[in-house]
C-alpha atoms as a PDB file:
ATOM      1  CA  MET A   1     -18.207  84.312  65.102  1.00  0.00           C
ATOM      2  CA  SER A   2     -19.270  81.544  67.486  1.00  0.00           C
ATOM      3  CA  LYS A   3     -20.016  82.241  71.130  1.00  0.00           C
ATOM      4  CA  ILE A   4     -17.424  79.641  72.154  1.00  0.00           C
ATOM      5  CA  LYS A   5     -14.634  81.421  70.268  1.00  0.00           C
ATOM      6  CA  LEU A   6     -15.755  84.748  71.691  1.00  0.00           C
ATOM      7  CA  PHE A   7     -15.750  83.326  75.208  1.00  0.00           C
ATOM      8  CA  LEU A   8     -12.298  81.762  74.803  1.00  0.00           C
ATOM      9  CA  LEU A   9     -10.937  85.028  73.421  1.00  0.00           C
ATOM     10  CA  ALA A  10     -12.368  87.010  76.335  1.00  0.00           C
ATOM     11  CA  VAL A  11     -11.012  84.563  78.921  1.00  0.00           C
ATOM     12  CA  THR A  12      -7.558  84.429  77.328  1.00  0.00           C
ATOM     13  CA  SER A  13      -7.285  88.215  77.010  1.00  0.00           C
ATOM     14  CA  ALA A  14      -8.500  88.790  80.568  1.00  0.00           C
ATOM     15  CA  SER A  15      -6.060  86.162  81.888  1.00  0.00           C
ATOM     16  CA  ILE A  16      -3.103  87.798  80.118  1.00  0.00           C
ATOM     17  CA  PHE A  17      -4.175  91.234  81.357  1.00  0.00           C
ATOM     18  CA  LEU A  18      -4.413  90.038  84.976  1.00  0.00           C
ATOM     19  CA  ALA A  19      -1.154  88.079  84.743  1.00  0.00           C
ATOM     20  CA  SER A  20       0.617  91.179  83.462  1.00  0.00           C
ATOM     21  CA  LEU A  21      -0.884  93.140  86.333  1.00  0.00           C
ATOM     22  CA  PHE A  22       0.078  90.825  89.208  1.00  0.00           C
ATOM     23  CA  PHE A  23       3.226  89.069  87.948  1.00  0.00           C
ATOM     24  CA  GLY A  24       6.651  90.375  86.986  1.00  0.00           C
ATOM     25  CA  GLN A  25       9.847  91.063  88.893  1.00  0.00           C
ATOM     26  CA  ASN A  26       7.748  91.103  92.040  1.00  0.00           C
ATOM     27  CA  THR A  27       4.601  89.018  92.359  1.00  0.00           C
ATOM     28  CA  ILE A  28       1.660  90.808  93.935  1.00  0.00           C
ATOM     29  CA  ASN A  29      -1.019  88.877  95.823  1.00  0.00           C
ATOM     30  CA  PRO A  30      -4.314  90.699  95.105  1.00  0.00           C
ATOM     31  CA  PHE A  31      -5.940  89.102  98.152  1.00  0.00           C
ATOM     32  CA  ASN A  32      -3.303  90.345 100.575  1.00  0.00           C
ATOM     33  CA  LEU A  33      -2.217  93.819  99.539  1.00  0.00           C
ATOM     34  CA  GLN A  34       0.217  95.528 101.866  1.00  0.00           C
ATOM     35  CA  GLY A  35       1.049  99.239 101.779  1.00  0.00           C
ATOM     36  CA  THR A  36       4.030  98.985  99.422  1.00  0.00           C
ATOM     37  CA  GLU A  37       2.404  96.388  97.181  1.00  0.00           C
ATOM     38  CA  LYS A  38      -0.748  98.478  96.893  1.00  0.00           C
ATOM     39  CA  GLU A  39       1.311 101.508  95.908  1.00  0.00           C
ATOM     40  CA  ILE A  40       3.197  99.492  93.269  1.00  0.00           C
ATOM     41  CA  LEU A  41      -0.044  98.055  91.909  1.00  0.00           C
ATOM     42  CA  LEU A  42      -1.972 101.327  91.644  1.00  0.00           C
ATOM     43  CA  SER A  43       0.834 103.756  90.776  1.00  0.00           C
ATOM     44  CA  ILE A  44       3.127 101.638  88.579  1.00  0.00           C
ATOM     45  CA  ARG A  45       1.650  98.346  87.393  1.00  0.00           C
ATOM     46  CA  LEU A  46      -1.944  99.367  86.584  1.00  0.00           C
ATOM     47  CA  PRO A  47      -1.141 102.449  84.452  1.00  0.00           C
ATOM     48  CA  ARG A  48       1.636 100.513  82.695  1.00  0.00           C
ATOM     49  CA  VAL A  49      -0.659  97.603  81.841  1.00  0.00           C
ATOM     50  CA  LEU A  50      -3.429  99.958  80.713  1.00  0.00           C
ATOM     51  CA  VAL A  51      -1.011 101.841  78.454  1.00  0.00           C
ATOM     52  CA  ALA A  52       0.207  98.518  77.018  1.00  0.00           C
ATOM     53  CA  PHE A  53      -3.381  97.432  76.359  1.00  0.00           C
ATOM     54  CA  LEU A  54      -4.273 100.754  74.716  1.00  0.00           C
ATOM     55  CA  MET A  55      -1.177 100.693  72.509  1.00  0.00           C
ATOM     56  CA  GLY A  56      -1.699  97.081  71.491  1.00  0.00           C
ATOM     57  CA  SER A  57      -5.366  97.717  70.723  1.00  0.00           C
ATOM     58  CA  ALA A  58      -4.543 100.739  68.574  1.00  0.00           C
ATOM     59  CA  LEU A  59      -1.860  98.860  66.638  1.00  0.00           C
ATOM     60  CA  GLY A  60      -4.046  95.775  66.169  1.00  0.00           C
ATOM     61  CA  VAL A  61      -6.925  97.801  64.747  1.00  0.00           C
ATOM     62  CA  SER A  62      -4.575  99.907  62.605  1.00  0.00           C
ATOM     63  CA  GLY A  63      -3.078  96.767  61.093  1.00  0.00           C
ATOM     64  CA  ALA A  64      -6.494  95.283  60.316  1.00  0.00           C
ATOM     65  CA  VAL A  65      -7.631  98.528  58.674  1.00  0.00           C
ATOM     66  CA  LEU A  66      -4.437  98.968  56.627  1.00  0.00           C
ATOM     67  CA  GLN A  67      -4.420  95.390  55.359  1.00  0.00           C
ATOM     68  CA  GLY A  68      -7.982  95.850  54.149  1.00  0.00           C
ATOM     69  CA  MET A  69      -7.606  99.404  52.849  1.00  0.00           C
ATOM     70  CA  LEU A  70      -4.386  98.701  50.941  1.00  0.00           C
ATOM     71  CA  ARG A  71      -5.336  95.110  50.066  1.00  0.00           C
ATOM     72  CA  ASN A  72      -1.862  94.090  51.229  1.00  0.00           C
ATOM     73  CA  PRO A  73      -1.486  91.258  53.780  1.00  0.00           C
ATOM     74  CA  LEU A  74       1.956  92.545  54.775  1.00  0.00           C
ATOM     75  CA  ALA A  75       0.729  96.030  55.681  1.00  0.00           C
ATOM     76  CA  ASP A  76       1.605  97.254  59.174  1.00  0.00           C
ATOM     77  CA  PRO A  77       0.804 100.535  60.985  1.00  0.00           C
ATOM     78  CA  TYR A  78       4.433 101.571  60.738  1.00  0.00           C
ATOM     79  CA  ILE A  79       4.659 100.906  57.007  1.00  0.00           C
ATOM     80  CA  LEU A  80       3.331 104.443  56.429  1.00  0.00           C
ATOM     81  CA  GLY A  81       6.378 105.898  58.174  1.00  0.00           C
ATOM     82  CA  ILE A  82       4.362 107.433  61.015  1.00  0.00           C
ATOM     83  CA  SER A  83       6.608 105.917  63.667  1.00  0.00           C
ATOM     84  CA  SER A  84       9.753 107.385  62.089  1.00  0.00           C
ATOM     85  CA  GLY A  85       8.565 110.951  62.574  1.00  0.00           C
ATOM     86  CA  ALA A  86       7.466 110.208  66.126  1.00  0.00           C
ATOM     87  CA  ALA A  87      10.785 108.536  66.939  1.00  0.00           C
ATOM     88  CA  LEU A  88      12.799 111.457  65.569  1.00  0.00           C
ATOM     89  CA  ALA A  89      10.802 114.098  67.446  1.00  0.00           C
ATOM     90  CA  ALA A  90      10.825 112.152  70.726  1.00  0.00           C
ATOM     91  CA  ALA A  91      14.527 111.333  70.442  1.00  0.00           C
ATOM     92  CA  PHE A  92      15.290 114.998  69.893  1.00  0.00           C
ATOM     93  CA  GLY A  93      13.590 115.832  73.187  1.00  0.00           C
ATOM     94  CA  LEU A  94      15.318 112.965  74.993  1.00  0.00           C
ATOM     95  CA  VAL A  95      18.865 113.618  73.823  1.00  0.00           C
ATOM     96  CA  THR A  96      18.650 117.390  74.287  1.00  0.00           C
ATOM     97  CA  GLY A  97      17.085 117.070  77.736  1.00  0.00           C
ATOM     98  CA  SER A  98      14.436 119.614  76.788  1.00  0.00           C
ATOM     99  CA  TYR A  99      11.334 119.223  78.974  1.00  0.00           C
ATOM    100  CA  VAL A 100       9.367 122.395  78.279  1.00  0.00           C
ATOM    101  CA  LEU A 101       6.070 120.687  79.089  1.00  0.00           C
ATOM    102  CA  GLY A 102       7.416 118.546  81.922  1.00  0.00           C
ATOM    103  CA  LYS A 103       6.559 114.852  81.647  1.00  0.00           C
ATOM    104  CA  PHE A 104       4.242 115.591  78.719  1.00  0.00           C
ATOM    105  CA  THR A 105       7.124 116.871  76.569  1.00  0.00           C
ATOM    106  CA  ILE A 106       8.183 113.531  75.059  1.00  0.00           C
ATOM    107  CA  PRO A 107       4.652 112.195  74.402  1.00  0.00           C
ATOM    108  CA  PHE A 108       3.647 115.544  72.881  1.00  0.00           C
ATOM    109  CA  ALA A 109       6.797 115.638  70.735  1.00  0.00           C
ATOM    110  CA  ALA A 110       6.123 112.083  69.529  1.00  0.00           C
ATOM    111  CA  PHE A 111       2.515 112.866  68.674  1.00  0.00           C
ATOM    112  CA  PHE A 112       3.544 116.057  66.901  1.00  0.00           C
ATOM    113  CA  GLY A 113       6.179 114.234  64.846  1.00  0.00           C
ATOM    114  CA  ALA A 114       3.788 111.419  63.952  1.00  0.00           C
ATOM    115  CA  SER A 115       1.102 113.915  62.943  1.00  0.00           C
ATOM    116  CA  ILE A 116       3.500 115.817  60.666  1.00  0.00           C
ATOM    117  CA  VAL A 117       4.558 112.612  58.925  1.00  0.00           C
ATOM    118  CA  SER A 118       0.919 111.547  58.562  1.00  0.00           C
ATOM    119  CA  ILE A 119       0.171 114.808  56.772  1.00  0.00           C
ATOM    120  CA  LEU A 120       3.238 114.411  54.523  1.00  0.00           C
ATOM    121  CA  VAL A 121       2.363 110.810  53.645  1.00  0.00           C
ATOM    122  CA  GLY A 122      -1.198 111.838  52.878  1.00  0.00           C
ATOM    123  CA  ALA A 123       0.020 114.699  50.696  1.00  0.00           C
ATOM    124  CA  PHE A 124       2.379 112.463  48.715  1.00  0.00           C
ATOM    125  CA  GLY A 125      -0.243 109.706  48.471  1.00  0.00           C
ATOM    126  CA  TRP A 126      -2.934 112.080  47.148  1.00  0.00           C
ATOM    127  CA  LYS A 127      -3.292 112.230  43.372  1.00  0.00           C
ATOM    128  CA  LYS A 128      -6.193 112.937  41.058  1.00  0.00           C
ATOM    129  CA  GLY A 129      -8.451 113.760  43.975  1.00  0.00           C
ATOM    130  CA  ARG A 130      -7.955 110.542  45.959  1.00  0.00           C
ATOM    131  CA  LEU A 131      -5.529 108.548  48.086  1.00  0.00           C
ATOM    132  CA  LEU A 132      -3.758 105.900  46.033  1.00  0.00           C
ATOM    133  CA  PRO A 133      -2.600 102.815  48.016  1.00  0.00           C
ATOM    134  CA  GLU A 134       0.610 102.403  46.012  1.00  0.00           C
ATOM    135  CA  ARG A 135       1.608 106.032  46.509  1.00  0.00           C
ATOM    136  CA  LEU A 136       0.844 105.825  50.248  1.00  0.00           C
ATOM    137  CA  LEU A 137       3.116 102.811  50.622  1.00  0.00           C
ATOM    138  CA  LEU A 138       5.967 104.326  48.627  1.00  0.00           C
ATOM    139  CA  ALA A 139       5.681 107.658  50.444  1.00  0.00           C
ATOM    140  CA  GLY A 140       5.722 105.882  53.801  1.00  0.00           C
ATOM    141  CA  VAL A 141       8.792 103.828  52.932  1.00  0.00           C
ATOM    142  CA  GLY A 142      10.659 106.837  51.547  1.00  0.00           C
ATOM    143  CA  LEU A 143       9.910 109.074  54.524  1.00  0.00           C
ATOM    144  CA  SER A 144      10.820 106.263  56.927  1.00  0.00           C
ATOM    145  CA  PHE A 145      14.304 106.019  55.450  1.00  0.00           C
ATOM    146  CA  LEU A 146      14.719 109.776  55.576  1.00  0.00           C
ATOM    147  CA  PHE A 147      13.607 110.246  59.180  1.00  0.00           C
ATOM    148  CA  TYR A 148      15.458 107.208  60.498  1.00  0.00           C
ATOM    149  CA  ALA A 149      18.619 108.499  58.820  1.00  0.00           C
ATOM    150  CA  LEU A 150      18.122 111.800  60.634  1.00  0.00           C
ATOM    151  CA  LEU A 151      17.460 109.844  63.841  1.00  0.00           C
ATOM    152  CA  MET A 152      20.764 107.968  63.531  1.00  0.00           C
ATOM    153  CA  LEU A 153      22.544 111.244  62.891  1.00  0.00           C
ATOM    154  CA  LEU A 154      20.991 112.740  66.020  1.00  0.00           C
ATOM    155  CA  ILE A 155      21.953 109.744  68.139  1.00  0.00           C
ATOM    156  CA  SER A 156      25.516 109.663  66.773  1.00  0.00           C
ATOM    157  CA  VAL A 157      26.226 113.194  68.032  1.00  0.00           C
ATOM    158  CA  SER A 158      24.501 112.788  71.412  1.00  0.00           C
ATOM    159  CA  SER A 159      25.784 112.002  74.888  1.00  0.00           C
ATOM    160  CA  TYR A 160      25.763 108.437  76.214  1.00  0.00           C
ATOM    161  CA  GLU A 161      22.844 109.005  78.586  1.00  0.00           C
ATOM    162  CA  GLY A 162      20.803 110.697  75.880  1.00  0.00           C
ATOM    163  CA  ILE A 163      21.491 107.808  73.507  1.00  0.00           C
ATOM    164  CA  ARG A 164      20.426 105.257  76.126  1.00  0.00           C
ATOM    165  CA  ARG A 165      17.102 106.990  76.831  1.00  0.00           C
ATOM    166  CA  ALA A 166      16.387 107.439  73.131  1.00  0.00           C
ATOM    167  CA  VAL A 167      17.168 103.813  72.225  1.00  0.00           C
ATOM    168  CA  LEU A 168      14.975 102.460  75.036  1.00  0.00           C
ATOM    169  CA  TRP A 169      12.090 104.662  73.921  1.00  0.00           C
ATOM    170  CA  ILE A 170      12.509 103.717  70.250  1.00  0.00           C
ATOM    171  CA  PHE A 171      12.160 100.028  71.121  1.00  0.00           C
ATOM    172  CA  GLY A 172       9.021 100.524  73.188  1.00  0.00           C
ATOM    173  CA  ASP A 173       9.832 101.463  76.772  1.00  0.00           C
ATOM    174  CA  LEU A 174       6.643 101.220  78.840  1.00  0.00           C
ATOM    175  CA  SER A 175       8.396 102.065  82.106  1.00  0.00           C
ATOM    176  CA  ILE A 176       7.531 105.767  81.636  1.00  0.00           C
ATOM    177  CA  ALA A 177       3.780 105.054  81.671  1.00  0.00           C
ATOM    178  CA  ASP A 178       1.689 106.825  84.300  1.00  0.00           C
ATOM    179  CA  TRP A 179      -1.923 107.868  84.827  1.00  0.00           C
ATOM    180  CA  SER A 180      -1.496 111.385  83.447  1.00  0.00           C
ATOM    181  CA  LEU A 181      -0.737 110.117  79.923  1.00  0.00           C
ATOM    182  CA  ILE A 182      -3.722 107.790  79.584  1.00  0.00           C
ATOM    183  CA  PRO A 183      -6.616 110.276  79.049  1.00  0.00           C
ATOM    184  CA  TYR A 184      -4.871 112.042  76.171  1.00  0.00           C
ATOM    185  CA  GLY A 185      -3.973 108.849  74.343  1.00  0.00           C
ATOM    186  CA  LEU A 186      -7.404 107.371  75.052  1.00  0.00           C
ATOM    187  CA  VAL A 187      -9.239 110.195  73.270  1.00  0.00           C
ATOM    188  CA  PHE A 188      -7.320 109.789  70.000  1.00  0.00           C
ATOM    189  CA  ILE A 189      -7.294 105.989  70.078  1.00  0.00           C
ATOM    190  CA  LEU A 190     -11.038 105.728  70.725  1.00  0.00           C
ATOM    191  CA  SER A 191     -11.710 108.289  67.990  1.00  0.00           C
ATOM    192  CA  GLY A 192      -9.749 106.227  65.488  1.00  0.00           C
ATOM    193  CA  MET A 193     -11.445 103.010  66.601  1.00  0.00           C
ATOM    194  CA  TYR A 194     -14.885 104.590  66.294  1.00  0.00           C
ATOM    195  CA  ILE A 195     -14.193 105.590  62.690  1.00  0.00           C
ATOM    196  CA  SER A 196     -12.840 102.129  61.874  1.00  0.00           C
ATOM    197  CA  ILE A 197     -15.662 100.146  63.485  1.00  0.00           C
ATOM    198  CA  SER A 198     -18.423 102.383  62.155  1.00  0.00           C
ATOM    199  CA  ARG A 199     -17.053 102.007  58.600  1.00  0.00           C
ATOM    200  CA  SER A 200     -16.326  98.268  58.773  1.00  0.00           C
ATOM    201  CA  LYS A 201     -18.792  97.468  55.965  1.00  0.00           C
ATOM    202  CA  ALA A 202     -17.015  99.968  53.746  1.00  0.00           C
ATOM    203  CA  LEU A 203     -13.704  98.263  54.552  1.00  0.00           C
ATOM    204  CA  ASN A 204     -15.209  94.923  53.500  1.00  0.00           C
ATOM    205  CA  ALA A 205     -16.152  96.534  50.205  1.00  0.00           C
ATOM    206  CA  LEU A 206     -12.704  98.085  49.664  1.00  0.00           C
ATOM    207  CA  MET A 207     -11.118  94.663  50.094  1.00  0.00           C
ATOM    208  CA  LEU A 208     -13.094  93.533  47.029  1.00  0.00           C
ATOM    209  CA  GLY A 209     -11.793  96.403  44.879  1.00  0.00           C
ATOM    210  CA  ASP A 210     -12.691 100.017  44.238  1.00  0.00           C
ATOM    211  CA  ASP A 211     -15.090  99.267  41.378  1.00  0.00           C
ATOM    212  CA  LEU A 212     -17.105  96.783  43.388  1.00  0.00           C
ATOM    213  CA  ALA A 213     -17.081  99.107  46.408  1.00  0.00           C
ATOM    214  CA  HIS A 214     -18.510 101.860  44.208  1.00  0.00           C
ATOM    215  CA  SER A 215     -21.211  99.520  42.896  1.00  0.00           C
ATOM    216  CA  LEU A 216     -22.192  98.777  46.505  1.00  0.00           C
ATOM    217  CA  GLY A 217     -22.698 102.462  47.197  1.00  0.00           C
ATOM    218  CA  PHE A 218     -19.360 103.349  48.848  1.00  0.00           C
ATOM    219  CA  SER A 219     -17.037 106.114  47.707  1.00  0.00           C
ATOM    220  CA  ALA A 220     -13.582 104.529  47.679  1.00  0.00           C
ATOM    221  CA  ARG A 221     -11.992 107.983  47.768  1.00  0.00           C
ATOM    222  CA  ARG A 222     -13.914 109.110  50.859  1.00  0.00           C
ATOM    223  CA  GLU A 223     -13.647 105.817  52.719  1.00  0.00           C
ATOM    224  CA  ARG A 224      -9.908 105.457  52.151  1.00  0.00           C
ATOM    225  CA  LEU A 225      -9.366 109.001  53.425  1.00  0.00           C
ATOM    226  CA  LEU A 226     -11.405 108.295  56.580  1.00  0.00           C
ATOM    227  CA  PHE A 227      -9.491 105.090  57.247  1.00  0.00           C
ATOM    228  CA  PHE A 228      -6.178 106.861  56.736  1.00  0.00           C
ATOM    229  CA  VAL A 229      -7.202 109.490  59.306  1.00  0.00           C
ATOM    230  CA  SER A 230      -8.233 106.760  61.780  1.00  0.00           C
ATOM    231  CA  VAL A 231      -4.917 104.909  61.376  1.00  0.00           C
ATOM    232  CA  ALA A 232      -2.950 108.146  61.763  1.00  0.00           C
ATOM    233  CA  LEU A 233      -4.823 109.011  64.970  1.00  0.00           C
ATOM    234  CA  MET A 234      -4.351 105.581  66.546  1.00  0.00           C
ATOM    235  CA  THR A 235      -0.735 105.097  65.516  1.00  0.00           C
ATOM    236  CA  SER A 236       0.308 108.604  66.553  1.00  0.00           C
ATOM    237  CA  ALA A 237      -1.335 108.228  69.958  1.00  0.00           C
ATOM    238  CA  SER A 238       0.152 104.767  70.434  1.00  0.00           C
ATOM    239  CA  VAL A 239       3.694 105.915  69.667  1.00  0.00           C
ATOM    240  CA  SER A 240       3.318 108.929  71.943  1.00  0.00           C
ATOM    241  CA  LEU A 241       2.296 106.720  74.875  1.00  0.00           C
ATOM    242  CA  GLY A 242       5.203 104.295  74.909  1.00  0.00           C
ATOM    243  CA  GLY A 243       7.448 104.399  71.884  1.00  0.00           C
ATOM    244  CA  THR A 244       7.576 102.403  68.654  1.00  0.00           C
ATOM    245  CA  ILE A 245       6.461  98.781  68.841  1.00  0.00           C
ATOM    246  CA  GLY A 246       6.305  96.818  65.621  1.00  0.00           C
ATOM    247  CA  PHE A 247       4.682  93.660  64.262  1.00  0.00           C
ATOM    248  CA  ILE A 248       1.517  93.748  66.399  1.00  0.00           C
ATOM    249  CA  GLY A 249      -0.390  95.325  63.524  1.00  0.00           C
ATOM    250  CA  LEU A 250       0.976  92.669  61.167  1.00  0.00           C
ATOM    251  CA  LEU A 251       0.616  89.603  63.355  1.00  0.00           C
ATOM    252  CA  VAL A 252      -2.642  90.077  65.263  1.00  0.00           C
ATOM    253  CA  PRO A 253      -5.094  90.720  62.365  1.00  0.00           C
ATOM    254  CA  HIS A 254      -3.893  87.585  60.548  1.00  0.00           C
ATOM    255  CA  ILE A 255      -4.412  85.426  63.620  1.00  0.00           C
ATOM    256  CA  VAL A 256      -7.842  86.976  64.196  1.00  0.00           C
ATOM    257  CA  ARG A 257      -8.933  86.378  60.587  1.00  0.00           C
ATOM    258  CA  PHE A 258      -7.730  82.780  60.779  1.00  0.00           C
ATOM    259  CA  VAL A 259      -9.859  82.186  63.885  1.00  0.00           C
ATOM    260  CA  ILE A 260     -13.063  84.144  63.159  1.00  0.00           C
ATOM    261  CA  GLY A 261     -13.085  84.886  59.427  1.00  0.00           C
ATOM    262  CA  ALA A 262     -12.597  88.005  57.319  1.00  0.00           C
ATOM    263  CA  ASP A 263     -15.666  90.105  58.209  1.00  0.00           C
ATOM    264  CA  ASN A 264     -14.200  93.388  59.455  1.00  0.00           C
ATOM    265  CA  SER A 265     -17.194  94.119  61.676  1.00  0.00           C
ATOM    266  CA  SER A 266     -15.794  91.334  63.859  1.00  0.00           C
ATOM    267  CA  VAL A 267     -12.111  91.512  62.912  1.00  0.00           C
ATOM    268  CA  ILE A 268     -11.658  95.131  64.041  1.00  0.00           C
ATOM    269  CA  PRO A 269     -13.005  94.858  67.638  1.00  0.00           C
ATOM    270  CA  VAL A 270     -11.420  91.431  68.140  1.00  0.00           C
ATOM    271  CA  SER A 271      -8.083  92.764  66.857  1.00  0.00           C
ATOM    272  CA  ALA A 272      -8.372  95.549  69.434  1.00  0.00           C
ATOM    273  CA  VAL A 273      -8.791  93.103  72.319  1.00  0.00           C
ATOM    274  CA  SER A 274      -6.213  90.636  70.972  1.00  0.00           C
ATOM    275  CA  GLY A 275      -3.648  93.339  70.220  1.00  0.00           C
ATOM    276  CA  GLY A 276      -4.011  94.763  73.722  1.00  0.00           C
ATOM    277  CA  ALA A 277      -3.583  91.346  75.297  1.00  0.00           C
ATOM    278  CA  PHE A 278      -0.612  90.565  73.038  1.00  0.00           C
ATOM    279  CA  LEU A 279       1.318  93.664  74.105  1.00  0.00           C
ATOM    280  CA  CYS A 280       0.446  93.073  77.776  1.00  0.00           C
ATOM    281  CA  GLY A 281       1.924  89.592  77.415  1.00  0.00           C
ATOM    282  CA  ALA A 282       5.038  90.939  75.668  1.00  0.00           C
ATOM    283  CA  ASP A 283       5.509  93.501  78.435  1.00  0.00           C
ATOM    284  CA  LEU A 284       5.162  90.775  81.075  1.00  0.00           C
ATOM    285  CA  ILE A 285       7.827  88.675  79.332  1.00  0.00           C
ATOM    286  CA  GLY A 286      10.137  91.675  79.069  1.00  0.00           C
ATOM    287  CA  ARG A 287       9.778  92.401  82.798  1.00  0.00           C
ATOM    288  CA  SER A 288      10.194  88.783  83.894  1.00  0.00           C
ATOM    289  CA  ILE A 289      12.780  87.162  81.646  1.00  0.00           C
ATOM    290  CA  ALA A 290      15.940  88.703  83.137  1.00  0.00           C
ATOM    291  CA  PRO A 291      15.190  90.634  86.341  1.00  0.00           C
ATOM    292  CA  PRO A 292      16.103  93.211  87.497  1.00  0.00           C
ATOM    293  CA  MET A 293      16.798  94.234  83.887  1.00  0.00           C
ATOM    294  CA  GLU A 294      13.782  95.015  81.692  1.00  0.00           C
ATOM    295  CA  ILE A 295      13.723  94.166  77.992  1.00  0.00           C
ATOM    296  CA  PRO A 296      11.711  96.714  75.961  1.00  0.00           C
ATOM    297  CA  SER A 297       8.411  95.334  74.700  1.00  0.00           C
ATOM    298  CA  GLY A 298       9.288  96.255  71.117  1.00  0.00           C
ATOM    299  CA  ILE A 299      12.149  93.756  71.164  1.00  0.00           C
ATOM    300  CA  ILE A 300       9.858  90.962  72.388  1.00  0.00           C
ATOM    301  CA  THR A 301       7.254  91.663  69.706  1.00  0.00           C
ATOM    302  CA  ALA A 302       9.980  91.823  67.036  1.00  0.00           C
ATOM    303  CA  VAL A 303      11.391  88.445  68.093  1.00  0.00           C
ATOM    304  CA  ILE A 304       7.901  86.940  67.818  1.00  0.00           C
ATOM    305  CA  GLY A 305       6.764  88.863  64.754  1.00  0.00           C
ATOM    306  CA  SER A 306       9.814  88.677  62.485  1.00  0.00           C
ATOM    307  CA  PRO A 307       9.602  84.920  61.810  1.00  0.00           C
ATOM    308  CA  TYR A 308       5.903  85.276  61.076  1.00  0.00           C
ATOM    309  CA  PHE A 309       6.613  88.138  58.667  1.00  0.00           C
ATOM    310  CA  LEU A 310       9.107  85.955  56.768  1.00  0.00           C
ATOM    311  CA  TYR A 311       6.573  83.119  56.767  1.00  0.00           C
ATOM    312  CA  LEU A 312       3.972  85.384  55.158  1.00  0.00           C
ATOM    313  CA  LEU A 313       6.531  86.653  52.667  1.00  0.00           C
ATOM    314  CA  ARG A 314       7.166  83.119  51.419  1.00  0.00           C
ATOM    315  CA  LYS A 315       3.499  82.211  51.120  1.00  0.00           C
ATOM    316  CA  LYS A 316       2.852  83.107  47.509  1.00  0.00           C
ATOM    317  CA  ASP A 317      -0.844  82.310  47.823  1.00  0.00           C
ATOM    318  CA  VAL A 318      -1.151  84.902  50.605  1.00  0.00           C
ATOM    319  CA  LEU A 319       0.696  87.568  48.620  1.00  0.00           C
ATOM    320  CA  GLY A 320      -1.413  86.887  45.603  1.00  0.00           C
ATOM    321  CA  SER A 321      -4.734  87.053  47.466  1.00  0.00           C
END
């Protein structure tokens, strides 16, 4: 990776981060902060932008890891069905109005639901003493349909206000972000990133096939299990922070590989920075496009990511690689 590309990436990501911080429905001048503007910046904008960056980073890394681990260019963090369990658990708390743990109730419910689904997917994907990529994918798809069906059932019997809160959260509502949520999500996201980055050479080997990975001294069984745990940690924490946001894990790793190459020791950290910046930009667009109304970030990323997904689907050389 050239120093010029690294510099341009850093400048672009920092610019998007700062733009998301100071622009929106109300523009904040950082050189002339008044009392109200300072309160908005420190209590609302900064935690929201940090949560967006953390979520985007987690999803970007998860996508890069899954595409390498499963050897599938269309793999996405939500393809394993983790988001469906989180969405169902969080929606249950939202529509019932149950806040046993105060403002931590919904994030905790989402993380709990995502963790349960991660365990179920791992159990269904485990056969003959190892995780099989095909079984993981099929288990994720099957559980996604099941939990989203239950989610629609829950929404259909709920009150209007409960439905509205649940739908906003499902599509990635970052307006609930505050400082108290960040430390908890940060621990799980950094743990998952540490596993992914420290095992990047093993991921390079898995992309070449299990037999070749074994000949290079890596246990495909052990490495795939570690990567699955890292993806589950990052995706669960991401969903618990701000809802379900798709396509970042699909879109960002492909762009990163196109720019810097396929070496995962570079792809993973760059996907983290790029994914964070991407979601910050999507959140800025959602806050600015039709004020005072806010469009959930998940809708913005879907509008951008869906055409790219269809483009990849039609590229037979990509699917065959």
